Amino acid sequence: MTITLTKEERDALYERIVVRLNGIDDIHQVVEQEDWDAAQRLGQEFSDLLRFVCSDLGWGEASQPQLTLSAPPDVLSRAATIVRDLAQADANQFESERRDLEVLESEAAYLRQTCERLLAELQDSSESED
C-alpha cells in the first residue's frame, strides 16, 4: 500500500513536529528525576517523530508537490497519533482561550454600556440644574 502526502499536508505535519521537538529536553529532566516510565514514553515519542522526519518528511521546506511515505507502518501510525493528539490539545487550548476572550469582550461591553449610561445621566442631571 502506498501512502502519499500533498506538500501542504507534509508542511503542516512538519511544522507541528518541529514545534514538539522543542520539548526534547524533557527527556533529560525525567531521566534526572529517575522517572523511567516517562523517559520511555518520551523517548519513544521523540524517536517516532524524528524517524518520521528523517525517513519521509525531510528537514526544511518541501520542494516536491507530493511525497510518498516509506517509514515503517508502526512508526507512521505512532507519529500520526502523536501529531493528532497534539492538534487536539491545541484545539482545546484555542477553544478555552476563545471562551476567555468572549467573557472579557462581554465584560468590556457591559462596562462601556454602564459608563455611557452614567455619562448620559450626568449630562441630563447637569442640564436640568441649569
N, C-alpha and C. Protein backbone atom coordinates (compact mmCIF):
# COMPACT_ATOMS: atom_id res chain seq x y z
N MET A 1 0.84 -1.18 0.00
CA MET A 1 0.00 0.00 0.00
C MET A 1 0.89 1.24 0.00
N THR A 2 0.59 2.18 -0.87
CA THR A 2 1.35 3.41 -0.98
C THR A 2 0.55 4.55 -0.35
N ILE A 3 1.20 5.28 0.54
CA ILE A 3 0.56 6.43 1.17
C ILE A 3 1.33 7.67 0.73
N THR A 4 0.59 8.67 0.27
CA THR A 4 1.22 9.91 -0.17
C THR A 4 0.64 11.09 0.60
N LEU A 5 1.43 12.14 0.65
CA LEU A 5 1.02 13.40 1.26
C LEU A 5 1.19 14.52 0.24
N THR A 6 0.29 15.48 0.28
CA THR A 6 0.50 16.68 -0.53
C THR A 6 1.56 17.54 0.16
N LYS A 7 2.07 18.50 -0.55
CA LYS A 7 3.04 19.43 0.03
C LYS A 7 2.45 20.14 1.25
N GLU A 8 1.19 20.53 1.15
CA GLU A 8 0.53 21.24 2.25
C GLU A 8 0.39 20.34 3.47
N GLU A 9 0.01 19.08 3.25
CA GLU A 9 -0.11 18.12 4.36
C GLU A 9 1.26 17.89 5.00
N ARG A 10 2.26 17.70 4.16
CA ARG A 10 3.62 17.47 4.66
C ARG A 10 4.08 18.66 5.49
N ASP A 11 3.86 19.87 4.96
CA ASP A 11 4.32 21.07 5.66
C ASP A 11 3.61 21.24 7.00
N ALA A 12 2.31 20.95 7.05
CA ALA A 12 1.56 21.06 8.30
C ALA A 12 2.09 20.07 9.34
N LEU A 13 2.32 18.83 8.92
CA LEU A 13 2.89 17.83 9.83
C LEU A 13 4.28 18.26 10.30
N TYR A 14 5.10 18.66 9.36
CA TYR A 14 6.48 19.05 9.67
C TYR A 14 6.51 20.20 10.68
N GLU A 15 5.72 21.23 10.43
CA GLU A 15 5.73 22.40 11.33
C GLU A 15 5.32 22.01 12.75
N ARG A 16 4.30 21.17 12.89
CA ARG A 16 3.84 20.80 14.24
C ARG A 16 4.86 19.89 14.91
N ILE A 17 5.50 19.02 14.16
CA ILE A 17 6.53 18.14 14.73
C ILE A 17 7.72 18.95 15.20
N VAL A 18 8.16 19.93 14.42
CA VAL A 18 9.29 20.77 14.82
C VAL A 18 8.98 21.51 16.11
N VAL A 19 7.76 21.99 16.25
CA VAL A 19 7.36 22.65 17.50
C VAL A 19 7.47 21.67 18.66
N ARG A 20 6.99 20.45 18.46
CA ARG A 20 7.05 19.45 19.53
C ARG A 20 8.48 19.07 19.87
N LEU A 21 9.35 19.04 18.88
CA LEU A 21 10.75 18.68 19.13
C LEU A 21 11.45 19.68 20.04
N ASN A 22 10.89 20.87 20.19
CA ASN A 22 11.45 21.84 21.15
C ASN A 22 11.41 21.30 22.57
N GLY A 23 10.56 20.32 22.83
CA GLY A 23 10.44 19.74 24.16
C GLY A 23 11.33 18.54 24.41
N ILE A 24 12.28 18.30 23.53
CA ILE A 24 13.11 17.11 23.66
C ILE A 24 13.95 17.12 24.94
N ASP A 25 14.21 18.31 25.50
CA ASP A 25 14.94 18.39 26.77
C ASP A 25 14.17 17.77 27.92
N ASP A 26 12.88 17.56 27.74
CA ASP A 26 12.06 16.92 28.77
C ASP A 26 12.60 15.54 29.12
N ILE A 27 13.20 14.87 28.14
CA ILE A 27 13.77 13.54 28.39
C ILE A 27 14.87 13.64 29.45
N HIS A 28 15.74 14.61 29.30
CA HIS A 28 16.83 14.79 30.26
C HIS A 28 16.28 15.03 31.67
N GLN A 29 15.24 15.83 31.76
CA GLN A 29 14.66 16.14 33.06
C GLN A 29 14.08 14.90 33.74
N VAL A 30 13.33 14.10 32.99
CA VAL A 30 12.72 12.92 33.62
C VAL A 30 13.77 11.86 33.94
N VAL A 31 14.85 11.80 33.17
CA VAL A 31 15.94 10.87 33.49
C VAL A 31 16.59 11.29 34.80
N GLU A 32 16.83 12.59 34.96
CA GLU A 32 17.41 13.08 36.21
C GLU A 32 16.50 12.81 37.40
N GLN A 33 15.20 12.81 37.16
CA GLN A 33 14.23 12.52 38.23
C GLN A 33 14.02 11.01 38.39
N GLU A 34 14.69 10.24 37.57
CA GLU A 34 14.57 8.79 37.56
C GLU A 34 13.14 8.32 37.36
N ASP A 35 12.42 9.05 36.52
CA ASP A 35 11.06 8.68 36.13
C ASP A 35 11.17 7.89 34.84
N TRP A 36 11.44 6.58 35.00
CA TRP A 36 11.75 5.74 33.86
C TRP A 36 10.57 5.53 32.93
N ASP A 37 9.36 5.50 33.46
CA ASP A 37 8.19 5.35 32.60
C ASP A 37 8.04 6.56 31.68
N ALA A 38 8.18 7.74 32.25
CA ALA A 38 8.10 8.97 31.44
C ALA A 38 9.25 9.02 30.44
N ALA A 39 10.44 8.61 30.85
CA ALA A 39 11.59 8.60 29.95
C ALA A 39 11.32 7.67 28.76
N GLN A 40 10.76 6.51 29.04
CA GLN A 40 10.45 5.56 27.97
C GLN A 40 9.41 6.14 27.02
N ARG A 41 8.34 6.72 27.59
CA ARG A 41 7.26 7.28 26.78
C ARG A 41 7.78 8.43 25.91
N LEU A 42 8.51 9.36 26.52
CA LEU A 42 9.04 10.49 25.76
C LEU A 42 10.08 10.04 24.74
N GLY A 43 10.92 9.10 25.13
CA GLY A 43 11.93 8.59 24.20
C GLY A 43 11.29 7.98 22.97
N GLN A 44 10.23 7.19 23.17
CA GLN A 44 9.52 6.58 22.04
C GLN A 44 8.86 7.67 21.19
N GLU A 45 8.23 8.65 21.84
CA GLU A 45 7.55 9.72 21.11
C GLU A 45 8.53 10.48 20.22
N PHE A 46 9.63 10.94 20.81
CA PHE A 46 10.58 11.72 20.02
C PHE A 46 11.28 10.86 18.98
N SER A 47 11.52 9.60 19.30
CA SER A 47 12.11 8.68 18.32
C SER A 47 11.20 8.54 17.10
N ASP A 48 9.91 8.34 17.34
CA ASP A 48 8.96 8.19 16.23
C ASP A 48 8.87 9.46 15.40
N LEU A 49 8.81 10.60 16.07
CA LEU A 49 8.73 11.87 15.33
C LEU A 49 9.98 12.12 14.51
N LEU A 50 11.14 11.85 15.11
CA LEU A 50 12.39 12.05 14.39
C LEU A 50 12.52 11.07 13.22
N ARG A 51 12.11 9.83 13.42
CA ARG A 51 12.17 8.85 12.33
C ARG A 51 11.24 9.26 11.19
N PHE A 52 10.07 9.79 11.52
CA PHE A 52 9.13 10.25 10.51
C PHE A 52 9.75 11.39 9.69
N VAL A 53 10.36 12.34 10.38
CA VAL A 53 11.01 13.44 9.67
C VAL A 53 12.19 12.93 8.84
N CYS A 54 13.05 12.15 9.46
CA CYS A 54 14.26 11.68 8.76
C CYS A 54 13.94 10.72 7.61
N SER A 55 12.95 9.86 7.78
CA SER A 55 12.62 8.87 6.75
C SER A 55 11.78 9.44 5.63
N ASP A 56 10.88 10.38 5.97
CA ASP A 56 9.90 10.79 4.98
C ASP A 56 9.78 12.29 4.76
N LEU A 57 9.56 13.03 5.81
CA LEU A 57 9.24 14.45 5.64
C LEU A 57 10.44 15.27 5.22
N GLY A 58 11.62 14.90 5.72
CA GLY A 58 12.82 15.67 5.44
C GLY A 58 12.84 16.95 6.26
N TRP A 59 13.98 17.61 6.24
CA TRP A 59 14.17 18.84 7.01
C TRP A 59 13.99 20.04 6.11
N GLY A 60 13.44 21.10 6.66
CA GLY A 60 13.24 22.33 5.89
C GLY A 60 11.98 22.26 5.06
N GLU A 61 11.90 23.18 4.10
CA GLU A 61 10.71 23.27 3.26
C GLU A 61 10.67 22.15 2.23
N ALA A 62 9.45 21.71 1.94
CA ALA A 62 9.26 20.68 0.92
C ALA A 62 9.45 21.29 -0.46
N SER A 63 10.06 20.53 -1.34
CA SER A 63 10.28 21.03 -2.70
C SER A 63 9.39 20.32 -3.72
N GLN A 64 8.83 19.19 -3.33
CA GLN A 64 8.02 18.41 -4.26
C GLN A 64 6.53 18.59 -3.94
N PRO A 65 5.68 18.53 -4.96
CA PRO A 65 4.24 18.72 -4.73
C PRO A 65 3.60 17.53 -4.02
N GLN A 66 4.26 16.37 -4.05
CA GLN A 66 3.70 15.18 -3.42
C GLN A 66 4.84 14.35 -2.84
N LEU A 67 4.55 13.65 -1.75
CA LEU A 67 5.56 12.87 -1.04
C LEU A 67 5.01 11.47 -0.79
N THR A 68 5.77 10.45 -1.14
CA THR A 68 5.39 9.07 -0.85
C THR A 68 6.09 8.64 0.42
N LEU A 69 5.31 8.14 1.38
CA LEU A 69 5.86 7.76 2.67
C LEU A 69 6.52 6.39 2.61
N SER A 70 7.63 6.25 3.34
CA SER A 70 8.36 4.99 3.32
C SER A 70 8.69 4.46 4.71
N ALA A 71 8.44 5.24 5.75
CA ALA A 71 8.71 4.79 7.12
C ALA A 71 7.85 3.56 7.42
N PRO A 72 8.30 2.72 8.34
CA PRO A 72 7.50 1.54 8.71
C PRO A 72 6.11 1.95 9.20
N PRO A 73 5.09 1.15 8.88
CA PRO A 73 3.73 1.49 9.28
C PRO A 73 3.56 1.74 10.78
N ASP A 74 4.28 1.00 11.63
CA ASP A 74 4.12 1.22 13.07
C ASP A 74 4.64 2.60 13.47
N VAL A 75 5.73 3.05 12.84
CA VAL A 75 6.27 4.39 13.12
C VAL A 75 5.30 5.45 12.62
N LEU A 76 4.79 5.28 11.40
CA LEU A 76 3.83 6.23 10.84
C LEU A 76 2.58 6.31 11.71
N SER A 77 2.10 5.17 12.16
CA SER A 77 0.90 5.14 12.99
C SER A 77 1.12 5.88 14.30
N ARG A 78 2.24 5.60 14.96
CA ARG A 78 2.51 6.27 16.24
C ARG A 78 2.73 7.76 16.03
N ALA A 79 3.48 8.13 14.99
CA ALA A 79 3.74 9.55 14.73
C ALA A 79 2.44 10.28 14.41
N ALA A 80 1.59 9.68 13.58
CA ALA A 80 0.31 10.31 13.25
C ALA A 80 -0.57 10.45 14.48
N THR A 81 -0.55 9.46 15.36
CA THR A 81 -1.32 9.53 16.60
C THR A 81 -0.81 10.65 17.49
N ILE A 82 0.50 10.78 17.59
CA ILE A 82 1.10 11.84 18.41
C ILE A 82 0.69 13.21 17.88
N VAL A 83 0.83 13.41 16.57
CA VAL A 83 0.52 14.72 15.99
C VAL A 83 -0.97 15.01 16.08
N ARG A 84 -1.80 13.98 15.88
CA ARG A 84 -3.25 14.17 16.03
C ARG A 84 -3.59 14.61 17.45
N ASP A 85 -2.98 13.96 18.44
CA ASP A 85 -3.24 14.32 19.84
C ASP A 85 -2.74 15.72 20.16
N LEU A 86 -1.60 16.10 19.59
CA LEU A 86 -1.09 17.46 19.77
C LEU A 86 -2.05 18.48 19.16
N ALA A 87 -2.58 18.16 17.97
CA ALA A 87 -3.53 19.05 17.31
C ALA A 87 -4.81 19.19 18.13
N GLN A 88 -5.26 18.09 18.72
CA GLN A 88 -6.46 18.15 19.56
C GLN A 88 -6.21 18.99 20.81
N ALA A 89 -5.04 18.83 21.41
CA ALA A 89 -4.68 19.65 22.58
C ALA A 89 -4.63 21.12 22.20
N ASP A 90 -4.07 21.42 21.02
CA ASP A 90 -4.04 22.81 20.54
C ASP A 90 -5.46 23.34 20.37
N ALA A 91 -6.33 22.55 19.75
CA ALA A 91 -7.71 22.97 19.52
C ALA A 91 -8.42 23.22 20.85
N ASN A 92 -8.19 22.35 21.83
CA ASN A 92 -8.80 22.54 23.15
C ASN A 92 -8.32 23.83 23.79
N GLN A 93 -7.02 24.10 23.67
CA GLN A 93 -6.44 25.33 24.23
C GLN A 93 -7.03 26.56 23.54
N PHE A 94 -7.13 26.51 22.22
CA PHE A 94 -7.68 27.64 21.47
C PHE A 94 -9.14 27.87 21.84
N GLU A 95 -9.89 26.80 22.03
CA GLU A 95 -11.30 26.93 22.42
C GLU A 95 -11.41 27.57 23.80
N SER A 96 -10.57 27.15 24.72
CA SER A 96 -10.56 27.73 26.06
C SER A 96 -10.22 29.22 26.01
N GLU A 97 -9.21 29.55 25.21
CA GLU A 97 -8.82 30.95 25.08
C GLU A 97 -9.94 31.77 24.42
N ARG A 98 -10.62 31.16 23.44
CA ARG A 98 -11.73 31.85 22.78
C ARG A 98 -12.84 32.16 23.77
N ARG A 99 -13.16 31.18 24.63
CA ARG A 99 -14.20 31.40 25.65
C ARG A 99 -13.77 32.49 26.62
N ASP A 100 -12.49 32.48 27.02
CA ASP A 100 -11.99 33.52 27.92
C ASP A 100 -12.09 34.89 27.27
N LEU A 101 -11.77 34.98 25.98
CA LEU A 101 -11.87 36.26 25.27
C LEU A 101 -13.31 36.72 25.15
N GLU A 102 -14.23 35.78 24.95
CA GLU A 102 -15.65 36.14 24.89
C GLU A 102 -16.12 36.73 26.21
N VAL A 103 -15.67 36.16 27.33
CA VAL A 103 -16.03 36.70 28.64
C VAL A 103 -15.47 38.11 28.80
N LEU A 104 -14.20 38.29 28.44
CA LEU A 104 -13.58 39.61 28.54
C LEU A 104 -14.27 40.62 27.63
N GLU A 105 -14.65 40.19 26.43
CA GLU A 105 -15.35 41.07 25.49
C GLU A 105 -16.71 41.47 26.06
N SER A 106 -17.41 40.51 26.65
CA SER A 106 -18.71 40.78 27.25
C SER A 106 -18.58 41.75 28.43
N GLU A 107 -17.57 41.53 29.26
CA GLU A 107 -17.34 42.43 30.39
C GLU A 107 -17.02 43.85 29.91
N ALA A 108 -16.21 43.95 28.87
CA ALA A 108 -15.85 45.27 28.33
C ALA A 108 -17.08 45.96 27.76
N ALA A 109 -17.94 45.24 27.06
CA ALA A 109 -19.17 45.82 26.51
C ALA A 109 -20.09 46.29 27.63
N TYR A 110 -20.20 45.48 28.69
CA TYR A 110 -21.04 45.86 29.83
C TYR A 110 -20.50 47.13 30.50
N LEU A 111 -19.20 47.18 30.70
CA LEU A 111 -18.59 48.37 31.30
C LEU A 111 -18.80 49.61 30.44
N ARG A 112 -18.64 49.45 29.12
CA ARG A 112 -18.84 50.57 28.20
C ARG A 112 -20.29 51.05 28.29
N GLN A 113 -21.24 50.12 28.29
CA GLN A 113 -22.66 50.50 28.39
C GLN A 113 -22.95 51.18 29.72
N THR A 114 -22.38 50.67 30.79
CA THR A 114 -22.59 51.27 32.11
C THR A 114 -22.06 52.69 32.14
N CYS A 115 -20.87 52.88 31.62
CA CYS A 115 -20.27 54.22 31.60
C CYS A 115 -21.06 55.16 30.70
N GLU A 116 -21.54 54.67 29.57
CA GLU A 116 -22.35 55.50 28.68
C GLU A 116 -23.64 55.93 29.38
N ARG A 117 -24.28 55.03 30.10
CA ARG A 117 -25.50 55.36 30.85
C ARG A 117 -25.19 56.39 31.93
N LEU A 118 -24.10 56.16 32.66
CA LEU A 118 -23.69 57.10 33.71
C LEU A 118 -23.45 58.49 33.14
N LEU A 119 -22.72 58.56 32.05
CA LEU A 119 -22.42 59.84 31.42
C LEU A 119 -23.68 60.53 30.92
N ALA A 120 -24.61 59.75 30.35
CA ALA A 120 -25.87 60.32 29.88
C ALA A 120 -26.68 60.87 31.05
N GLU A 121 -26.73 60.12 32.16
CA GLU A 121 -27.47 60.61 33.33
C GLU A 121 -26.81 61.83 33.92
N LEU A 122 -25.50 61.87 33.95
CA LEU A 122 -24.79 63.05 34.45
C LEU A 122 -25.07 64.27 33.57
N GLN A 123 -25.10 64.06 32.27
CA GLN A 123 -25.39 65.16 31.35
C GLN A 123 -26.82 65.64 31.54
N ASP A 124 -27.77 64.70 31.65
CA ASP A 124 -29.17 65.07 31.88
C ASP A 124 -29.31 65.83 33.20
N SER A 125 -28.59 65.37 34.23
CA SER A 125 -28.65 66.00 35.54
C SER A 125 -28.09 67.42 35.49
N SER A 126 -27.00 67.61 34.80
CA SER A 126 -26.39 68.95 34.73
C SER A 126 -27.24 69.89 33.88
N GLU A 127 -27.92 69.37 32.85
CA GLU A 127 -28.79 70.20 32.02
C GLU A 127 -30.04 70.63 32.79
N SER A 128 -30.55 69.75 33.67
CA SER A 128 -31.75 70.10 34.42
C SER A 128 -31.44 71.08 35.55
N GLU A 129 -30.19 71.16 35.98
CA GLU A 129 -29.79 72.11 37.01
C GLU A 129 -29.61 73.50 36.44
N ASP A 130 -29.42 73.59 35.13
CA ASP A 130 -29.20 74.90 34.51
C ASP A 130 -30.46 75.63 34.30
